[in-house]
Amino acid sequence: MCVCSTLAEEYFSQRPMYDHHARQKTAQFASKSLDEKRTELFGSTDLDDTAPDHLKCPLTLTLFIDPVLSPSGHTYERSAIEKHLQQTGGSGRDPLTNMNFSLQELVPNRAVKEAVEQYKKQLQHATEWWQ
């Protein structure tokens, strides 16, 4: 007899026990959100609290979603720097350097965006590893 058939026979003969065990494990592990697992592992409920500073906008102090580079070389979250510039009439000053620039001078910072995505993947991988 094939081992596969033996395992299948055991499963089908004890299916209620297997189903019950599967439900318990699902409730134990799958019901936890990534934030809950992160809190368990790192003691923080907020990804922004544990992220390195170079992956966070200096204006919002949150992880970048759509990072843009200003002419002065500083990276900001697009929505935050756009709001800052709109409050100053569409053409304003860099909040960190006080240098004049406009919305049209902002360029996407793909390197920072990729670094944030990599950080999130590593954190998720670490969380899955601990499960």
Protein backbone atom coordinates (compact mmCIF):
# COMPACT_ATOMS: atom_id res chain seq x y z
CA MET A 1 0.00 0.00 0.00
CA CYS A 2 1.20 3.49 -0.83
CA VAL A 3 2.08 5.85 2.03
CA CYS A 4 -0.14 8.46 0.36
CA SER A 5 -3.13 6.15 0.62
CA THR A 6 -2.36 5.46 4.28
CA LEU A 7 -2.19 9.18 5.06
CA ALA A 8 -5.36 9.86 3.11
CA GLU A 9 -7.15 7.02 4.89
CA GLU A 10 -6.02 8.38 8.28
CA TYR A 11 -7.15 11.88 7.36
CA PHE A 12 -10.58 10.80 6.18
CA SER A 13 -11.12 8.45 9.13
CA GLN A 14 -10.18 11.20 11.62
CA ARG A 15 -11.34 14.22 9.65
CA PRO A 16 -13.30 15.88 12.50
CA MET A 17 -10.14 15.86 14.64
CA TYR A 18 -8.04 17.30 11.77
CA ASP A 19 -10.67 19.97 11.06
CA HIS A 20 -10.84 20.94 14.73
CA HIS A 21 -7.04 21.19 14.94
CA ALA A 22 -6.92 23.25 11.73
CA ARG A 23 -9.55 25.67 13.10
CA GLN A 24 -7.57 26.07 16.32
CA LYS A 25 -4.34 26.81 14.48
CA THR A 26 -6.09 29.23 12.13
CA ALA A 27 -7.64 31.08 15.06
CA GLN A 28 -4.29 31.13 16.85
CA PHE A 29 -2.17 32.41 13.97
CA ALA A 30 -4.21 33.76 11.09
CA SER A 31 -6.49 35.89 13.22
CA LYS A 32 -3.57 38.08 14.23
CA SER A 33 -2.97 41.08 12.05
CA LEU A 34 0.49 42.16 10.98
CA ASP A 35 0.27 44.99 13.52
CA GLU A 36 -0.53 42.52 16.31
CA LYS A 37 2.41 40.30 15.35
CA ARG A 38 4.67 43.36 15.12
CA THR A 39 3.58 44.40 18.61
CA GLU A 40 4.36 40.91 19.90
CA LEU A 41 7.80 40.92 18.31
CA PHE A 42 8.92 44.53 18.61
CA GLY A 43 6.71 46.03 21.30
CA SER A 44 5.32 48.71 19.00
CA THR A 45 1.87 49.05 17.52
CA ASP A 46 2.93 51.42 14.78
CA LEU A 47 5.21 50.57 11.86
CA ASP A 48 6.25 54.23 11.74
CA ASP A 49 7.61 53.99 15.29
CA THR A 50 10.00 51.16 14.44
CA ALA A 51 11.08 52.33 10.98
CA PRO A 52 14.50 53.91 10.47
CA ASP A 53 14.41 57.70 10.18
CA HIS A 54 15.75 57.71 6.61
CA LEU A 55 12.55 55.89 5.51
CA LYS A 56 10.25 58.50 7.09
CA CYS A 57 9.18 61.92 5.90
CA PRO A 58 10.65 64.71 8.05
CA LEU A 59 7.30 66.53 7.90
CA THR A 60 4.89 63.70 8.75
CA LEU A 61 7.28 61.36 10.59
CA THR A 62 5.58 58.45 8.82
CA LEU A 63 6.90 55.94 6.31
CA PHE A 64 7.13 57.26 2.80
CA ILE A 65 4.41 56.21 0.37
CA ASP A 66 5.20 58.52 -2.53
CA PRO A 67 8.60 60.08 -1.77
CA VAL A 68 9.77 63.04 -3.84
CA LEU A 69 13.12 64.76 -3.97
CA SER A 70 13.29 68.54 -3.63
CA PRO A 71 15.89 70.65 -5.48
CA SER A 72 17.79 70.98 -2.19
CA GLY A 73 18.25 67.20 -2.07
CA HIS A 74 15.80 66.44 0.75
CA THR A 75 13.11 63.80 0.40
CA TYR A 76 9.53 64.45 1.47
CA GLU A 77 6.21 62.67 1.22
CA ARG A 78 4.57 64.12 -1.90
CA SER A 79 1.25 64.97 -0.23
CA ALA A 80 2.99 66.66 2.73
CA ILE A 81 5.32 68.85 0.67
CA GLU A 82 2.53 69.71 -1.79
CA LYS A 83 0.35 70.82 1.13
CA HIS A 84 3.25 72.86 2.52
CA LEU A 85 3.81 74.56 -0.84
CA GLN A 86 0.09 75.20 -1.42
CA GLN A 87 -0.10 76.93 1.94
CA THR A 88 2.62 79.27 0.70
CA GLY A 89 0.95 80.00 -2.65
CA GLY A 90 2.27 77.14 -4.81
CA SER A 91 5.81 78.42 -4.82
CA GLY A 92 7.48 78.37 -1.48
CA ARG A 93 10.49 77.44 0.50
CA ASP A 94 11.96 74.08 1.41
CA PRO A 95 11.02 73.45 5.06
CA LEU A 96 14.52 72.23 5.93
CA THR A 97 16.74 74.54 3.90
CA ASN A 98 14.50 77.58 3.30
CA MET A 99 15.46 77.35 -0.40
CA ASN A 100 12.86 78.56 -2.95
CA PHE A 101 11.28 75.93 -5.22
CA SER A 102 7.98 74.98 -6.85
CA LEU A 103 5.88 71.84 -7.25
CA GLN A 104 7.18 71.33 -10.78
CA GLU A 105 10.70 70.86 -9.42
CA LEU A 106 9.81 67.80 -7.32
CA VAL A 107 10.96 64.48 -8.75
CA PRO A 108 10.04 60.95 -7.58
CA ASN A 109 12.63 59.37 -5.32
CA ARG A 110 12.48 55.78 -6.54
CA ALA A 111 15.44 54.65 -4.44
CA VAL A 112 13.70 55.64 -1.20
CA LYS A 113 10.43 54.10 -2.37
CA GLU A 114 12.22 50.81 -3.09
CA ALA A 115 13.98 50.96 0.29
CA VAL A 116 10.61 51.37 2.07
CA GLU A 117 9.13 48.44 0.15
CA GLN A 118 12.19 46.32 1.01
CA TYR A 119 11.89 47.30 4.67
CA LYS A 120 8.21 46.28 4.71
CA LYS A 121 9.02 42.94 3.04
CA GLN A 122 11.81 42.22 5.53
CA LEU A 123 9.54 43.06 8.44
CA GLN A 124 6.77 40.85 7.06
CA HIS A 125 9.27 38.04 6.46
CA ALA A 126 10.54 38.34 10.04
CA THR A 127 6.97 38.29 11.34
CA GLU A 128 6.14 35.18 9.31
CA TRP A 129 9.34 33.50 10.48
CA TRP A 130 8.31 33.93 14.12
CA GLN A 131 4.90 32.36 13.59
